[in-house]
Structure formats: C-alpha cells, structure tokens
C-alpha cells in the first residue's frame, strides 16, 4: 500500500548553491553543493524570469519581448528567499522574479 511518506522518501532535494557571486557582465556565478559551477549573464537571467509579468501563468507562453531587454542590463540587487531561491532586482526596474534553485541552475552554463 502506498502512502505519502513513501512518495516523499523517493523525492530528492534540488542541489542548492554553496556560493553565489557576481560574475562577468553583471551576471551570476554559482558553485553548487554537488561541485558543479554555472554562470549566467544578467540578460540571460532577465530573459529567463518566470514571473507572471514575463510568462503567462496558465498557458506558460512567454510575455517578455527579448528585444525589450537591453544588452547591458545588470543585476541591481539580490536577496535570498528562504532556502530555495533568490530574488533578483534588475537595472531596468524589474523586481518580481524569484529564481528557485532548479531554475537558476537551468539558466546557467557550465563553467
């Protein structure tokens, strides 16, 4: 017989960052607890935002026009959100995105 505890035991926690630092082009460089290192530019992170202003909540259709994001956009500030994400504020004033660890990792490139 299956119960919720059996399901929960099978799930794995996403790898969390061991260190997050400002990288090239105003982006982020992340060293993960599993040893991987990823980096993403501020523009890549801004284009990857999954907030309701950037992605339709029901259809998941992108709402953000990539042409509207400046090439020289920067991260103005970043703050932790619990033990599962960071909140980024961008130089264009966008401040509603929360980047959970799996999203942050998927937006980064190895290295």
N, C-alpha and C. Protein backbone atom coordinates (compact mmCIF):
# COMPACT_ATOMS: atom_id res chain seq x y z
N UNK A 1 0.84 -1.17 0.00
CA UNK A 1 0.00 0.00 0.00
C UNK A 1 0.90 1.24 0.00
N UNK A 2 0.58 2.18 -0.86
CA UNK A 2 1.37 3.40 -0.99
C UNK A 2 0.78 4.51 -0.11
N UNK A 3 1.66 5.27 0.46
CA UNK A 3 1.20 6.43 1.22
C UNK A 3 2.11 7.61 0.92
N UNK A 4 1.77 8.75 1.44
CA UNK A 4 2.52 9.96 1.15
C UNK A 4 3.97 9.86 1.62
N UNK A 5 4.22 9.18 2.71
CA UNK A 5 5.60 9.06 3.20
C UNK A 5 6.47 8.30 2.20
N UNK A 6 5.95 7.24 1.61
CA UNK A 6 6.71 6.50 0.61
C UNK A 6 7.04 7.40 -0.59
N UNK A 7 6.10 8.22 -0.99
CA UNK A 7 6.35 9.15 -2.09
C UNK A 7 7.42 10.16 -1.70
N UNK A 8 7.32 10.72 -0.52
CA UNK A 8 8.26 11.75 -0.08
C UNK A 8 9.68 11.20 0.03
N UNK A 9 9.83 9.97 0.45
CA UNK A 9 11.16 9.39 0.59
C UNK A 9 11.85 9.27 -0.77
N UNK A 10 11.07 9.14 -1.85
CA UNK A 10 11.64 8.98 -3.18
C UNK A 10 12.05 10.31 -3.81
N UNK A 11 11.54 11.40 -3.33
CA UNK A 11 11.88 12.69 -3.93
C UNK A 11 13.26 13.12 -3.47
N UNK A 12 13.92 13.86 -4.31
CA UNK A 12 15.24 14.36 -3.97
C UNK A 12 15.21 15.88 -3.96
N UNK A 13 15.95 16.44 -3.07
CA UNK A 13 16.07 17.88 -2.96
C UNK A 13 16.99 18.37 -4.06
N UNK A 14 16.61 19.44 -4.72
CA UNK A 14 17.48 20.03 -5.74
C UNK A 14 18.77 20.51 -5.09
N UNK A 15 19.86 20.35 -5.81
CA UNK A 15 21.14 20.82 -5.28
C UNK A 15 21.05 22.31 -5.02
N UNK A 16 21.51 22.73 -3.88
CA UNK A 16 21.49 24.14 -3.52
C UNK A 16 22.87 24.74 -3.79
N UNK A 17 22.92 26.06 -3.95
CA UNK A 17 24.21 26.70 -4.15
C UNK A 17 25.05 26.65 -2.87
N UNK A 18 26.33 26.45 -3.05
CA UNK A 18 27.27 26.57 -1.94
C UNK A 18 27.79 28.00 -1.89
N UNK A 19 27.78 28.66 -3.07
CA UNK A 19 28.28 30.03 -3.17
C UNK A 19 27.69 30.70 -4.40
N UNK A 20 27.25 31.94 -4.24
CA UNK A 20 26.76 32.74 -5.36
C UNK A 20 27.57 34.03 -5.36
N UNK A 21 28.15 34.37 -6.51
CA UNK A 21 28.91 35.61 -6.61
C UNK A 21 28.62 36.31 -7.93
N UNK A 22 28.90 37.59 -7.96
CA UNK A 22 28.73 38.35 -9.20
C UNK A 22 29.75 37.83 -10.20
N UNK A 23 29.30 37.61 -11.42
CA UNK A 23 30.17 37.11 -12.46
C UNK A 23 30.40 38.15 -13.53
N UNK A 24 30.84 37.69 -14.68
CA UNK A 24 31.10 38.57 -15.81
C UNK A 24 29.79 39.20 -16.29
N UNK A 25 29.90 40.36 -16.88
CA UNK A 25 28.77 41.08 -17.48
C UNK A 25 27.65 41.33 -16.48
N UNK A 26 27.99 41.45 -15.19
CA UNK A 26 26.98 41.74 -14.19
C UNK A 26 26.07 40.58 -13.87
N UNK A 27 26.42 39.39 -14.30
CA UNK A 27 25.61 38.21 -14.05
C UNK A 27 26.01 37.51 -12.77
N UNK A 28 25.72 36.22 -12.72
CA UNK A 28 26.00 35.43 -11.53
C UNK A 28 26.84 34.20 -11.87
N UNK A 29 27.70 33.85 -10.94
CA UNK A 29 28.47 32.60 -10.99
C UNK A 29 28.07 31.83 -9.75
N UNK A 30 27.65 30.57 -9.95
CA UNK A 30 27.15 29.76 -8.84
C UNK A 30 27.97 28.49 -8.73
N UNK A 31 28.47 28.25 -7.53
CA UNK A 31 29.11 26.96 -7.22
C UNK A 31 28.08 26.18 -6.42
N UNK A 32 27.71 25.02 -6.94
CA UNK A 32 26.66 24.20 -6.34
C UNK A 32 27.24 23.21 -5.35
N UNK A 33 26.41 22.76 -4.43
CA UNK A 33 26.87 21.82 -3.39
C UNK A 33 27.39 20.51 -3.98
N UNK A 34 26.92 20.15 -5.17
CA UNK A 34 27.40 18.92 -5.78
C UNK A 34 28.70 19.11 -6.56
N UNK A 35 29.28 20.33 -6.50
CA UNK A 35 30.56 20.60 -7.14
C UNK A 35 30.46 21.27 -8.49
N UNK A 36 29.30 21.27 -9.12
CA UNK A 36 29.14 21.92 -10.42
C UNK A 36 29.25 23.43 -10.27
N UNK A 37 29.69 24.08 -11.34
CA UNK A 37 29.77 25.54 -11.38
C UNK A 37 29.04 26.00 -12.63
N UNK A 38 28.13 26.95 -12.46
CA UNK A 38 27.41 27.51 -13.61
C UNK A 38 27.50 29.03 -13.56
N UNK A 39 27.31 29.65 -14.72
CA UNK A 39 27.28 31.10 -14.77
C UNK A 39 26.23 31.54 -15.79
N UNK A 40 25.66 32.71 -15.55
CA UNK A 40 24.67 33.27 -16.45
C UNK A 40 24.81 34.79 -16.42
N UNK A 41 24.67 35.40 -17.59
CA UNK A 41 24.72 36.86 -17.65
C UNK A 41 23.43 37.43 -17.07
N UNK A 42 23.46 38.70 -16.73
CA UNK A 42 22.26 39.36 -16.22
C UNK A 42 21.14 39.30 -17.26
N UNK A 43 21.48 39.46 -18.53
CA UNK A 43 20.47 39.41 -19.58
C UNK A 43 19.85 38.02 -19.69
N UNK A 44 20.67 36.98 -19.61
CA UNK A 44 20.13 35.61 -19.64
C UNK A 44 19.18 35.38 -18.48
N UNK A 45 19.53 35.87 -17.31
CA UNK A 45 18.68 35.71 -16.13
C UNK A 45 17.39 36.50 -16.29
N UNK A 46 17.49 37.72 -16.82
CA UNK A 46 16.29 38.54 -17.02
C UNK A 46 15.35 37.89 -18.03
N UNK A 47 15.90 37.35 -19.12
CA UNK A 47 15.09 36.67 -20.13
C UNK A 47 14.49 35.37 -19.60
N UNK A 48 15.12 34.79 -18.59
CA UNK A 48 14.63 33.54 -18.01
C UNK A 48 13.64 33.71 -16.89
N UNK A 49 13.30 34.95 -16.57
CA UNK A 49 12.37 35.21 -15.47
C UNK A 49 11.03 34.52 -15.74
N UNK A 50 10.50 33.88 -14.72
CA UNK A 50 9.25 33.12 -14.85
C UNK A 50 8.09 33.78 -14.12
N UNK A 51 8.23 35.05 -13.74
CA UNK A 51 7.15 35.73 -13.01
C UNK A 51 5.93 35.93 -13.92
N UNK A 52 4.81 36.30 -13.33
CA UNK A 52 3.56 36.46 -14.08
C UNK A 52 3.63 37.60 -15.10
N UNK A 53 4.55 38.53 -14.93
CA UNK A 53 4.71 39.60 -15.91
C UNK A 53 5.48 39.13 -17.14
N UNK A 54 6.25 38.08 -16.97
CA UNK A 54 7.11 37.59 -18.05
C UNK A 54 6.59 36.34 -18.74
N UNK A 55 5.79 35.56 -18.03
CA UNK A 55 5.25 34.30 -18.56
C UNK A 55 3.79 34.18 -18.15
N UNK A 56 2.92 33.87 -19.12
CA UNK A 56 1.50 33.68 -18.80
C UNK A 56 1.36 32.52 -17.82
N UNK A 57 0.66 32.76 -16.73
CA UNK A 57 0.53 31.77 -15.67
C UNK A 57 -0.22 30.51 -16.09
N UNK A 58 -1.11 30.64 -17.07
CA UNK A 58 -1.95 29.50 -17.46
C UNK A 58 -1.42 28.77 -18.69
N UNK A 59 -0.99 29.53 -19.69
CA UNK A 59 -0.52 28.90 -20.93
C UNK A 59 0.99 28.70 -20.95
N UNK A 60 1.69 29.37 -20.03
CA UNK A 60 3.16 29.35 -19.96
C UNK A 60 3.80 29.98 -21.20
N UNK A 61 3.02 30.77 -21.92
CA UNK A 61 3.51 31.48 -23.09
C UNK A 61 4.35 32.67 -22.63
N UNK A 62 5.53 32.85 -23.22
CA UNK A 62 6.35 34.00 -22.85
C UNK A 62 5.65 35.31 -23.18
N UNK A 63 5.71 36.26 -22.26
CA UNK A 63 5.13 37.58 -22.47
C UNK A 63 6.22 38.64 -22.67
N UNK A 64 7.42 38.34 -22.26
CA UNK A 64 8.53 39.27 -22.35
C UNK A 64 9.12 39.25 -23.75
N UNK A 65 9.20 40.41 -24.38
CA UNK A 65 9.83 40.54 -25.70
C UNK A 65 11.34 40.66 -25.48
N UNK A 66 12.11 39.70 -25.95
CA UNK A 66 13.56 39.76 -25.75
C UNK A 66 14.19 41.05 -26.27
N UNK A 67 13.61 41.64 -27.30
CA UNK A 67 14.16 42.88 -27.85
C UNK A 67 14.02 44.04 -26.87
N UNK A 68 13.15 43.89 -25.88
CA UNK A 68 12.95 44.97 -24.91
C UNK A 68 13.96 44.93 -23.76
N UNK A 69 14.80 43.91 -23.73
CA UNK A 69 15.79 43.78 -22.66
C UNK A 69 17.15 44.23 -23.19
N UNK A 70 17.67 45.29 -22.59
CA UNK A 70 18.95 45.86 -23.03
C UNK A 70 20.09 44.87 -22.88
N UNK A 71 21.03 44.94 -23.80
CA UNK A 71 22.20 44.06 -23.74
C UNK A 71 23.04 44.32 -22.50
N UNK A 72 23.01 45.56 -22.00
CA UNK A 72 23.85 45.92 -20.86
C UNK A 72 23.10 45.91 -19.53
N UNK A 73 21.98 45.21 -19.47
CA UNK A 73 21.22 45.13 -18.22
C UNK A 73 22.12 44.53 -17.13
N UNK A 74 21.89 44.93 -15.91
CA UNK A 74 22.69 44.43 -14.79
C UNK A 74 21.77 44.04 -13.64
N UNK A 75 22.31 43.27 -12.73
CA UNK A 75 21.59 42.92 -11.51
C UNK A 75 21.87 44.03 -10.50
N UNK A 76 20.82 44.70 -10.08
CA UNK A 76 20.97 45.79 -9.11
C UNK A 76 21.12 45.25 -7.70
N UNK A 77 20.37 44.19 -7.39
CA UNK A 77 20.50 43.57 -6.06
C UNK A 77 19.98 42.14 -6.11
N UNK A 78 20.41 41.37 -5.14
CA UNK A 78 19.91 40.01 -4.99
C UNK A 78 19.77 39.70 -3.51
N UNK A 79 18.71 38.97 -3.19
CA UNK A 79 18.43 38.61 -1.81
C UNK A 79 17.98 37.16 -1.74
N UNK A 80 18.32 36.47 -0.68
CA UNK A 80 17.85 35.09 -0.53
C UNK A 80 16.34 35.06 -0.26
N UNK A 81 15.73 33.98 -0.71
CA UNK A 81 14.31 33.70 -0.42
C UNK A 81 14.31 32.32 0.24
N UNK A 82 14.22 32.31 1.55
CA UNK A 82 14.27 31.04 2.29
C UNK A 82 15.53 30.28 1.94
N UNK A 83 15.38 28.96 1.87
CA UNK A 83 16.49 28.08 1.48
C UNK A 83 16.27 27.50 0.09
N UNK A 84 15.46 28.19 -0.73
CA UNK A 84 15.11 27.59 -2.01
C UNK A 84 15.28 28.49 -3.21
N UNK A 85 15.60 29.77 -3.04
CA UNK A 85 15.63 30.67 -4.19
C UNK A 85 16.36 31.97 -3.86
N UNK A 86 16.54 32.79 -4.91
CA UNK A 86 16.98 34.16 -4.73
C UNK A 86 16.01 35.08 -5.47
N UNK A 87 15.92 36.29 -4.99
CA UNK A 87 15.10 37.33 -5.61
C UNK A 87 16.07 38.31 -6.26
N UNK A 88 15.89 38.55 -7.56
CA UNK A 88 16.77 39.46 -8.28
C UNK A 88 16.03 40.73 -8.65
N UNK A 89 16.72 41.86 -8.52
CA UNK A 89 16.23 43.15 -8.99
C UNK A 89 17.19 43.59 -10.09
N UNK A 90 16.63 43.97 -11.23
CA UNK A 90 17.44 44.33 -12.39
C UNK A 90 17.50 45.84 -12.58
N UNK A 91 18.50 46.28 -13.32
CA UNK A 91 18.70 47.70 -13.57
C UNK A 91 17.57 48.33 -14.38
N UNK A 92 16.74 47.52 -15.04
CA UNK A 92 15.59 48.08 -15.77
C UNK A 92 14.37 48.25 -14.86
N UNK A 93 14.55 47.96 -13.56
CA UNK A 93 13.47 48.12 -12.59
C UNK A 93 12.66 46.85 -12.35
N UNK A 94 12.87 45.82 -13.15
CA UNK A 94 12.11 44.58 -12.96
C UNK A 94 12.53 43.95 -11.64
N UNK A 95 11.52 43.64 -10.80
CA UNK A 95 11.85 43.13 -9.47
C UNK A 95 10.88 42.06 -8.97
N UNK A 96 10.16 41.40 -9.87
CA UNK A 96 9.17 40.44 -9.39
C UNK A 96 9.56 38.98 -9.61
N UNK A 97 10.77 38.73 -10.06
CA UNK A 97 11.18 37.35 -10.30
C UNK A 97 11.83 36.69 -9.11
N UNK A 98 11.46 35.45 -8.88
CA UNK A 98 12.10 34.61 -7.87
C UNK A 98 12.72 33.43 -8.61
N UNK A 99 13.98 33.22 -8.38
CA UNK A 99 14.73 32.19 -9.09
C UNK A 99 15.01 31.03 -8.14
N UNK A 100 14.13 30.02 -8.18
CA UNK A 100 14.34 28.81 -7.37
C UNK A 100 15.58 28.10 -7.89
N UNK A 101 16.19 27.30 -7.04
CA UNK A 101 17.45 26.65 -7.41
C UNK A 101 17.38 25.90 -8.72
N UNK A 102 16.35 25.09 -8.99
CA UNK A 102 16.33 24.39 -10.29
C UNK A 102 16.29 25.35 -11.49
N UNK A 103 15.56 26.45 -11.38
CA UNK A 103 15.52 27.43 -12.47
C UNK A 103 16.87 28.10 -12.62
N UNK A 104 17.46 28.53 -11.51
CA UNK A 104 18.76 29.19 -11.57
C UNK A 104 19.80 28.27 -12.22
N UNK A 105 19.75 27.02 -11.85
CA UNK A 105 20.74 26.08 -12.43
C UNK A 105 20.48 25.87 -13.91
N UNK A 106 19.21 25.78 -14.31
CA UNK A 106 18.90 25.54 -15.72
C UNK A 106 19.27 26.72 -16.61
N UNK A 107 19.30 27.94 -16.06
CA UNK A 107 19.64 29.12 -16.84
C UNK A 107 21.15 29.29 -16.98
N UNK A 108 21.92 28.65 -16.13
CA UNK A 108 23.37 28.79 -16.16
C UNK A 108 24.03 27.84 -17.14
N UNK A 109 25.21 28.23 -17.54
CA UNK A 109 26.04 27.39 -18.40
C UNK A 109 27.21 26.89 -17.56
N UNK A 110 27.65 25.69 -17.85
CA UNK A 110 28.77 25.11 -17.10
C UNK A 110 30.01 25.98 -17.25
N UNK A 111 30.72 26.09 -16.14
CA UNK A 111 31.99 26.81 -16.21
C UNK A 111 32.08 28.00 -15.43
